[in-house]
């Protein structure tokens, strides 16, 4: 038979994918345990009520997007919290006039409905981290990065209550590595550019809907990495930036239900104001539950400086982004920029550890790495009761 020109790539679920899925199941199990033991707070109901109003009946009051007032960080978390409730009410045929405040007496599993989108975001970020690190560093680097991620208490905490931080972390990580992918694709035929360019536009839009500061950082990092990587194609960069900015602004405008007053509030407020501080890094590295992550990060930095073979773009890029995010502070709206930095930091750790495991010290370092992963897993499991408060 003559060879076919276009062949569909078969989805593979071999041993590497199975191990990654098992690690993500551990993350899912921890999240579900915390959700089952954590009561609902007034903030949870506020997110759900505002989110439902965005989907069903945005407030007609002048200058306000919902009866909760203008949104100060981003609409994505509110819409994510309100969407499951709205869908359930549609399928149940319930009247839309009943408020989420009253629904807490009607829906026994409301805690799961409110928090499931954020668990999904954490799982998607873990899958994205696995995909990137496995392609860059092989199976070993992917396993190390994903294992540390799945037993990171900050990730579990962010996945179990309504917030924009986990969405911003996912969007920022996806945007940076999609931009790097676009840079590499631009060295090939144009038909391979378009899907990645469209994907990056969508990612940028959802990142902006989560937090404008995360979008601005993603845009800045995209410009820097593409200017460095897109050799011979840099002339296309201004045009691509116009496409990404306009596309992202359109998605952001849509997230405000195409209401000009609510949309303009993003630019009139101080939501995108950024400063510098060591406080985010101090919070992350001095928390006992993150001890394994801290040791891994410090050890990786030492090995990176000591080993010439570890100092290449694949390791340097996530290190630069992680350091930048760890010293940033959003002064307009309180955020957790150290959570945004975490996937980049773990990608750096996975890359450096994978490099060391290819040296003659593999056997000894394998024992050290295994012990570190087990220690962080134990700390994560021990911290679960603390995350329910």
Protein backbone atom coordinates (compact mmCIF):
# COMPACT_ATOMS: atom_id res chain seq x y z
CA UNK A 1 0.00 0.00 0.00
CA UNK A 2 1.30 3.50 -0.77
CA UNK A 3 2.19 5.52 2.31
CA UNK A 4 -0.48 7.98 3.40
CA UNK A 5 0.50 11.62 3.44
CA UNK A 6 -1.43 12.49 6.59
CA UNK A 7 -1.57 10.06 9.46
CA UNK A 8 -3.41 10.60 12.69
CA UNK A 9 -1.18 10.40 15.70
CA UNK A 10 -2.37 7.71 18.05
CA UNK A 11 -2.90 8.68 21.64
CA UNK A 12 -0.36 6.79 23.74
CA UNK A 13 -0.96 5.72 27.32
CA UNK A 14 2.21 3.80 28.03
CA UNK A 15 4.16 3.47 31.26
CA UNK A 16 5.29 7.15 31.43
CA UNK A 17 1.72 8.42 30.96
CA UNK A 18 0.42 5.89 33.49
CA UNK A 19 2.89 7.02 36.14
CA UNK A 20 2.01 10.67 35.48
CA UNK A 21 -1.70 9.86 35.73
CA UNK A 22 -1.08 8.07 39.04
CA UNK A 23 0.70 11.11 40.45
CA UNK A 24 -2.16 13.37 39.35
CA UNK A 25 -4.59 10.97 41.04
CA UNK A 26 -2.65 11.45 44.28
CA UNK A 27 -3.12 15.21 43.85
CA UNK A 28 -6.81 14.75 43.13
CA UNK A 29 -7.25 12.55 46.20
CA UNK A 30 -5.60 15.11 48.48
CA UNK A 31 -7.75 17.91 47.06
CA UNK A 32 -10.96 15.94 47.49
CA UNK A 33 -10.03 15.06 51.08
CA UNK A 34 -9.46 18.73 51.93
CA UNK A 35 -12.72 19.74 50.25
CA UNK A 36 -14.65 17.06 52.14
CA UNK A 37 -13.30 18.32 55.48
CA UNK A 38 -13.40 22.07 54.84
CA UNK A 39 -16.55 24.02 55.50
CA UNK A 40 -17.84 26.74 53.22
CA UNK A 41 -16.95 30.32 54.03
CA UNK A 42 -18.62 33.61 53.23
CA UNK A 43 -15.94 34.18 50.58
CA UNK A 44 -16.95 30.91 48.87
CA UNK A 45 -20.57 32.01 48.69
CA UNK A 46 -19.53 35.45 47.48
CA UNK A 47 -17.59 33.96 44.57
CA UNK A 48 -20.49 31.67 43.68
CA UNK A 49 -23.12 34.39 43.91
CA UNK A 50 -21.13 36.88 41.84
CA UNK A 51 -20.27 34.18 39.33
CA UNK A 52 -23.89 33.20 38.90
CA UNK A 53 -24.84 36.81 38.31
CA UNK A 54 -22.18 37.06 35.59
CA UNK A 55 -23.66 34.06 33.78
CA UNK A 56 -27.34 34.70 34.41
CA UNK A 57 -28.12 38.33 35.11
CA UNK A 58 -25.31 40.90 35.37
CA UNK A 59 -26.37 43.88 37.45
CA UNK A 60 -27.72 46.83 35.46
CA UNK A 61 -26.47 49.26 38.11
CA UNK A 62 -24.29 51.95 36.57
CA UNK A 63 -20.62 51.38 37.21
CA UNK A 64 -21.06 47.85 38.59
CA UNK A 65 -20.70 44.50 36.90
CA UNK A 66 -22.62 42.58 39.58
CA UNK A 67 -24.40 43.41 42.79
CA UNK A 68 -21.12 42.42 44.50
CA UNK A 69 -19.46 45.47 42.95
CA UNK A 70 -16.62 45.75 40.48
CA UNK A 71 -14.20 42.83 40.29
CA UNK A 72 -10.71 43.80 41.47
CA UNK A 73 -8.55 40.92 40.23
CA UNK A 74 -10.25 39.00 37.41
CA UNK A 75 -13.59 37.49 36.40
CA UNK A 76 -12.34 33.97 35.65
CA UNK A 77 -12.50 32.62 39.20
CA UNK A 78 -15.99 34.05 39.73
CA UNK A 79 -17.29 32.57 36.50
CA UNK A 80 -15.61 29.24 37.29
CA UNK A 81 -17.25 29.12 40.72
CA UNK A 82 -20.66 30.11 39.40
CA UNK A 83 -20.79 28.00 36.23
CA UNK A 84 -21.42 24.56 37.84
CA UNK A 85 -24.24 26.03 39.91
CA UNK A 86 -25.78 27.75 36.90
CA UNK A 87 -25.61 24.55 34.83
CA UNK A 88 -27.14 22.51 37.62
CA UNK A 89 -30.00 24.97 37.99
CA UNK A 90 -30.61 24.89 34.24
CA UNK A 91 -30.77 21.09 34.12
CA UNK A 92 -32.82 20.94 37.32
CA UNK A 93 -35.29 23.51 35.94
CA UNK A 94 -35.04 25.68 39.05
CA UNK A 95 -36.03 29.34 39.01
CA UNK A 96 -33.14 31.67 38.37
CA UNK A 97 -34.37 34.13 40.99
CA UNK A 98 -33.14 32.01 43.87
CA UNK A 99 -29.81 33.35 45.11
CA UNK A 100 -26.73 31.28 45.78
CA UNK A 101 -27.08 32.39 49.39
CA UNK A 102 -30.34 30.41 49.58
CA UNK A 103 -28.95 27.53 47.52
CA UNK A 104 -26.63 26.46 50.33
CA UNK A 105 -29.72 25.01 52.02
CA UNK A 106 -30.84 23.26 48.83
CA UNK A 107 -27.65 21.73 47.43
CA UNK A 108 -25.86 19.36 49.80
CA UNK A 109 -22.82 19.00 47.53
CA UNK A 110 -22.35 22.73 46.91
CA UNK A 111 -18.77 22.62 48.25
CA UNK A 112 -17.76 20.22 45.48
CA UNK A 113 -19.56 22.28 42.82
CA UNK A 114 -17.85 25.47 43.93
CA UNK A 115 -14.36 24.02 44.09
CA UNK A 116 -14.30 21.47 41.28
CA UNK A 117 -13.20 24.03 38.60
CA UNK A 118 -10.17 24.95 40.71
CA UNK A 119 -9.21 21.32 41.22
CA UNK A 120 -9.48 20.97 37.45
CA UNK A 121 -7.17 23.98 36.98
CA UNK A 122 -4.57 22.42 39.29
CA UNK A 123 -4.74 19.12 37.41
CA UNK A 124 -4.40 20.93 34.08
CA UNK A 125 -1.37 22.84 35.34
CA UNK A 126 0.15 19.54 36.52
CA UNK A 127 -0.49 17.98 33.11
CA UNK A 128 1.07 21.00 31.40
CA UNK A 129 4.10 20.82 33.70
CA UNK A 130 4.51 17.10 32.93
CA UNK A 131 4.20 17.64 29.18
CA UNK A 132 6.79 20.43 29.15
CA UNK A 133 9.35 18.81 31.46
CA UNK A 134 9.11 15.41 29.80
CA UNK A 135 9.74 16.92 26.39
CA UNK A 136 12.66 18.98 27.69
CA UNK A 137 14.29 16.62 30.20
CA UNK A 138 12.96 13.15 29.46
CA UNK A 139 10.85 10.90 31.68
CA UNK A 140 13.08 11.33 34.74
CA UNK A 141 12.85 15.10 34.77
CA UNK A 142 9.10 14.91 34.18
CA UNK A 143 8.59 12.49 37.08
CA UNK A 144 10.58 14.63 39.51
CA UNK A 145 8.84 17.90 38.60
CA UNK A 146 5.36 16.36 38.64
CA UNK A 147 5.92 14.45 41.89
CA UNK A 148 7.00 17.61 43.70
CA UNK A 149 4.05 19.46 42.20
CA UNK A 150 1.48 16.85 43.23
CA UNK A 151 2.71 16.93 46.83
CA UNK A 152 3.02 20.71 47.11
CA UNK A 153 0.71 22.03 49.86
CA UNK A 154 0.40 25.48 48.18
CA UNK A 155 -1.04 23.79 45.08
CA UNK A 156 -3.50 21.74 47.13
CA UNK A 157 -4.56 24.84 49.06
CA UNK A 158 -5.11 26.89 45.88
CA UNK A 159 -7.10 24.05 44.30
CA UNK A 160 -9.61 23.78 47.12
CA UNK A 161 -11.19 27.23 47.32
CA UNK A 162 -12.34 29.81 44.75
CA UNK A 163 -9.46 32.06 43.71
CA UNK A 164 -7.78 33.50 40.63
CA UNK A 165 -4.26 32.49 41.68
CA UNK A 166 -4.34 28.92 40.37
CA UNK A 167 -5.81 30.08 37.05
CA UNK A 168 -3.19 32.83 36.72
CA UNK A 169 -0.41 30.33 37.49
CA UNK A 170 -1.76 27.95 34.85
CA UNK A 171 -2.19 30.70 32.25
CA UNK A 172 1.24 32.23 32.83
CA UNK A 173 3.06 28.88 32.62
CA UNK A 174 1.13 27.82 29.53
CA UNK A 175 1.67 31.20 27.85
CA UNK A 176 5.46 31.21 28.35
CA UNK A 177 6.01 27.70 27.03
CA UNK A 178 3.50 28.11 24.21
CA UNK A 179 5.45 31.22 23.16
CA UNK A 180 8.67 29.19 23.20
CA UNK A 181 6.90 26.57 21.10
CA UNK A 182 5.78 29.25 18.62
CA UNK A 183 9.39 30.44 18.35
CA UNK A 184 10.56 26.95 17.43
CA UNK A 185 7.63 26.40 15.04
CA UNK A 186 8.51 29.61 13.19
CA UNK A 187 11.66 27.92 11.98
CA UNK A 188 9.46 25.49 10.03
CA UNK A 189 6.58 25.78 7.53
CA UNK A 190 3.92 28.42 8.14
CA UNK A 191 1.11 25.87 8.44
CA UNK A 192 2.61 24.87 11.81
CA UNK A 193 2.59 28.44 13.08
CA UNK A 194 -1.12 29.12 12.93
CA UNK A 195 -2.47 26.59 15.49
CA UNK A 196 0.17 27.64 18.04
CA UNK A 197 -0.47 31.33 17.44
CA UNK A 198 -4.21 30.85 17.94
CA UNK A 199 -3.58 28.74 21.05
CA UNK A 200 -1.30 31.41 22.52
CA UNK A 201 -3.95 34.08 21.83
CA UNK A 202 -6.55 32.07 23.73
CA UNK A 203 -4.14 31.37 26.60
CA UNK A 204 -3.30 35.07 26.82
CA UNK A 205 -6.98 35.95 26.94
CA UNK A 206 -7.77 33.56 29.75
CA UNK A 207 -4.68 34.70 31.65
CA UNK A 208 -5.90 38.30 31.38
CA UNK A 209 -9.33 37.21 32.62
CA UNK A 210 -7.66 35.67 35.67
CA UNK A 211 -5.35 38.58 36.48
CA UNK A 212 -4.19 41.51 34.37
CA UNK A 213 -0.77 41.51 36.04
CA UNK A 214 -0.23 37.89 34.99
CA UNK A 215 -1.18 38.83 31.43
CA UNK A 216 1.28 41.73 31.35
CA UNK A 217 4.04 39.48 32.69
CA UNK A 218 3.17 36.79 30.13
CA UNK A 219 3.31 39.39 27.36
CA UNK A 220 6.68 40.71 28.56
CA UNK A 221 8.18 37.23 28.83
CA UNK A 222 6.77 36.27 25.43
CA UNK A 223 8.48 39.27 23.83
CA UNK A 224 11.80 38.50 25.50
CA UNK A 225 11.89 34.77 24.73
CA UNK A 226 10.66 35.13 21.18
CA UNK A 227 13.12 37.93 20.46
CA UNK A 228 15.86 35.58 21.64
CA UNK A 229 14.67 32.37 19.95
CA UNK A 230 12.97 33.46 16.71
CA UNK A 231 16.16 33.89 14.73
CA UNK A 232 15.47 35.24 11.25
CA UNK A 233 11.76 35.67 12.06
CA UNK A 234 11.87 38.60 14.46
CA UNK A 235 10.27 40.87 11.85
CA UNK A 236 6.99 39.02 12.46
CA UNK A 237 7.03 39.78 16.18
CA UNK A 238 5.27 43.21 16.10
CA UNK A 239 2.42 41.80 14.00
CA UNK A 240 2.06 38.78 16.28
CA UNK A 241 2.01 41.02 19.36
CA UNK A 242 -0.85 43.04 17.89
CA UNK A 243 -2.77 39.81 17.25
CA UNK A 244 -2.16 38.53 20.77
CA UNK A 245 -3.01 41.79 22.51
CA UNK A 246 -6.19 42.40 20.50
CA UNK A 247 -7.26 38.77 20.84
CA UNK A 248 -6.62 38.77 24.57
CA UNK A 249 -8.49 42.06 25.02
CA UNK A 250 -11.46 40.63 23.10
CA UNK A 251 -11.59 37.59 25.38
CA UNK A 252 -11.21 39.83 28.43
CA UNK A 253 -14.02 42.07 27.15
CA UNK A 254 -16.19 38.99 26.64
CA UNK A 255 -15.48 37.89 30.23
CA UNK A 256 -17.12 41.16 31.32
CA UNK A 257 -20.18 40.29 29.19
CA UNK A 258 -19.18 43.03 26.71
CA UNK A 259 -20.07 45.71 29.28
CA UNK A 260 -17.85 48.76 28.65
CA UNK A 261 -18.17 50.20 32.18
CA UNK A 262 -17.10 46.98 33.87
CA UNK A 263 -14.36 46.36 31.31
CA UNK A 264 -12.93 49.87 31.65
CA UNK A 265 -12.66 49.40 35.42
CA UNK A 266 -9.71 47.07 34.80
CA UNK A 267 -7.76 49.99 33.37
CA UNK A 268 -9.05 52.61 35.81
CA UNK A 269 -8.13 50.57 38.89
CA UNK A 270 -4.66 49.68 40.19
CA UNK A 271 -5.10 45.98 39.50
CA UNK A 272 -2.00 45.83 37.25
CA UNK A 273 0.28 47.79 39.59
CA UNK A 274 3.47 45.82 40.32
CA UNK A 275 6.36 46.37 42.71
CA UNK A 276 9.34 44.42 44.02
CA UNK A 277 9.71 42.68 47.35
CA UNK A 278 11.39 39.62 48.86
CA UNK A 279 8.22 38.89 50.84
CA UNK A 280 6.77 36.35 48.35
CA UNK A 281 10.01 34.34 48.42
CA UNK A 282 10.18 34.53 52.21
CA UNK A 283 6.63 33.26 52.57
CA UNK A 284 7.27 30.30 50.31
CA UNK A 285 10.71 29.18 51.48
CA UNK A 286 10.16 29.58 55.24
CA UNK A 287 7.01 27.46 55.45
CA UNK A 288 7.65 24.07 57.06
CA UNK A 289 5.26 22.25 54.72
CA UNK A 290 7.40 23.38 51.78
CA UNK A 291 10.68 22.11 53.27
CA UNK A 292 11.18 19.45 50.59
CA UNK A 293 10.49 21.98 47.84
CA UNK A 294 12.92 24.44 49.44
CA UNK A 295 15.72 21.87 49.71
CA UNK A 296 15.13 20.81 46.10
CA UNK A 297 15.22 24.43 44.88
CA UNK A 298 18.37 25.37 46.83
CA UNK A 299 20.10 22.14 45.82
CA UNK A 300 19.20 22.66 42.17
CA UNK A 301 20.56 26.20 42.21
CA UNK A 302 23.84 24.98 43.69
CA UNK A 303 24.12 22.19 41.12
CA UNK A 304 23.23 24.61 38.31
CA UNK A 305 26.08 26.91 39.33
CA UNK A 306 28.51 24.04 39.81
CA UNK A 307 27.75 21.98 36.69
CA UNK A 308 28.43 23.48 33.27
CA UNK A 309 26.24 20.88 31.56
CA UNK A 310 23.22 22.14 33.52
CA UNK A 311 23.61 25.74 32.32
CA UNK A 312 21.65 25.75 29.08
CA UNK A 313 18.47 27.49 27.88
CA UNK A 314 16.09 24.70 28.96
CA UNK A 315 17.15 25.14 32.58
CA UNK A 316 17.96 28.84 32.52
CA UNK A 317 14.59 30.01 31.16
CA UNK A 318 12.42 28.63 34.02
CA UNK A 319 15.00 29.81 36.56
CA UNK A 320 14.83 33.39 35.26
CA UNK A 321 11.02 33.40 35.33
CA UNK A 322 10.87 31.81 38.79
CA UNK A 323 13.31 34.35 40.28
CA UNK A 324 11.41 37.23 38.66
CA UNK A 325 8.07 36.09 40.04
CA UNK A 326 9.48 35.40 43.50
CA UNK A 327 10.57 39.03 43.90
CA UNK A 328 7.44 40.60 42.39
CA UNK A 329 4.59 41.97 44.44
CA UNK A 330 1.27 43.12 43.03
CA UNK A 331 0.63 46.26 45.04
CA UNK A 332 -2.77 47.05 43.54
CA UNK A 333 -4.44 43.75 44.45
CA UNK A 334 -3.10 41.15 46.87
CA UNK A 335 -1.94 38.05 44.97
CA UNK A 336 0.28 35.03 45.54
CA UNK A 337 3.03 35.53 42.96
CA UNK A 338 5.06 32.76 44.60
CA UNK A 339 2.35 30.35 43.44
CA UNK A 340 2.78 31.67 39.90
CA UNK A 341 6.52 30.98 40.26
CA UNK A 342 6.10 27.42 41.55
CA UNK A 343 5.65 25.54 38.22
CA UNK A 344 8.66 27.33 36.72
CA UNK A 345 10.70 26.52 39.83
CA UNK A 346 9.74 22.84 39.63
CA UNK A 347 10.56 22.74 35.92
CA UNK A 348 14.02 24.07 36.81
CA UNK A 349 14.41 21.45 39.56
CA UNK A 350 13.34 18.65 37.23
CA UNK A 351 15.80 19.76 34.56
CA UNK A 352 18.82 20.04 36.88
CA UNK A 353 18.06 16.78 38.69
CA UNK A 354 17.68 14.99 35.34
CA UNK A 355 21.10 16.31 34.30
CA UNK A 356 22.75 15.05 37.50
CA UNK A 357 21.12 11.63 37.10
CA UNK A 358 22.94 11.27 33.78
CA UNK A 359 26.35 11.57 35.43
CA UNK A 360 28.45 8.94 37.20
CA UNK A 361 26.84 9.99 40.48
CA UNK A 362 23.50 8.64 39.32
CA UNK A 363 23.17 5.87 41.92
CA UNK A 364 23.84 8.06 44.95
CA UNK A 365 21.81 10.96 43.67
CA UNK A 366 18.90 8.64 42.87
CA UNK A 367 18.72 7.67 46.55
CA UNK A 368 18.90 11.32 47.60
CA UNK A 369 16.16 12.30 45.13
CA UNK A 370 13.91 9.43 46.21
CA UNK A 371 14.32 10.38 49.86
CA UNK A 372 13.55 14.02 49.10
CA UNK A 373 10.39 13.12 47.18
CA UNK A 374 9.21 10.81 49.97
CA UNK A 375 9.89 13.49 52.57
CA UNK A 376 7.89 16.09 50.65
CA UNK A 377 5.04 13.60 50.16
CA UNK A 378 4.99 12.94 53.92
CA UNK A 379 4.96 16.68 54.67
CA UNK A 380 2.12 17.17 52.21
CA UNK A 381 -0.02 14.42 53.73
CA UNK A 382 0.71 15.67 57.25
CA UNK A 383 -0.32 19.22 56.30
CA UNK A 384 -3.74 18.22 54.91
CA UNK A 385 -5.57 18.78 58.24
CA UNK A 386 -4.06 22.27 58.41
CA UNK A 387 -5.42 23.08 54.95
CA UNK A 388 -9.00 22.42 56.09
CA UNK A 389 -8.96 25.52 58.32
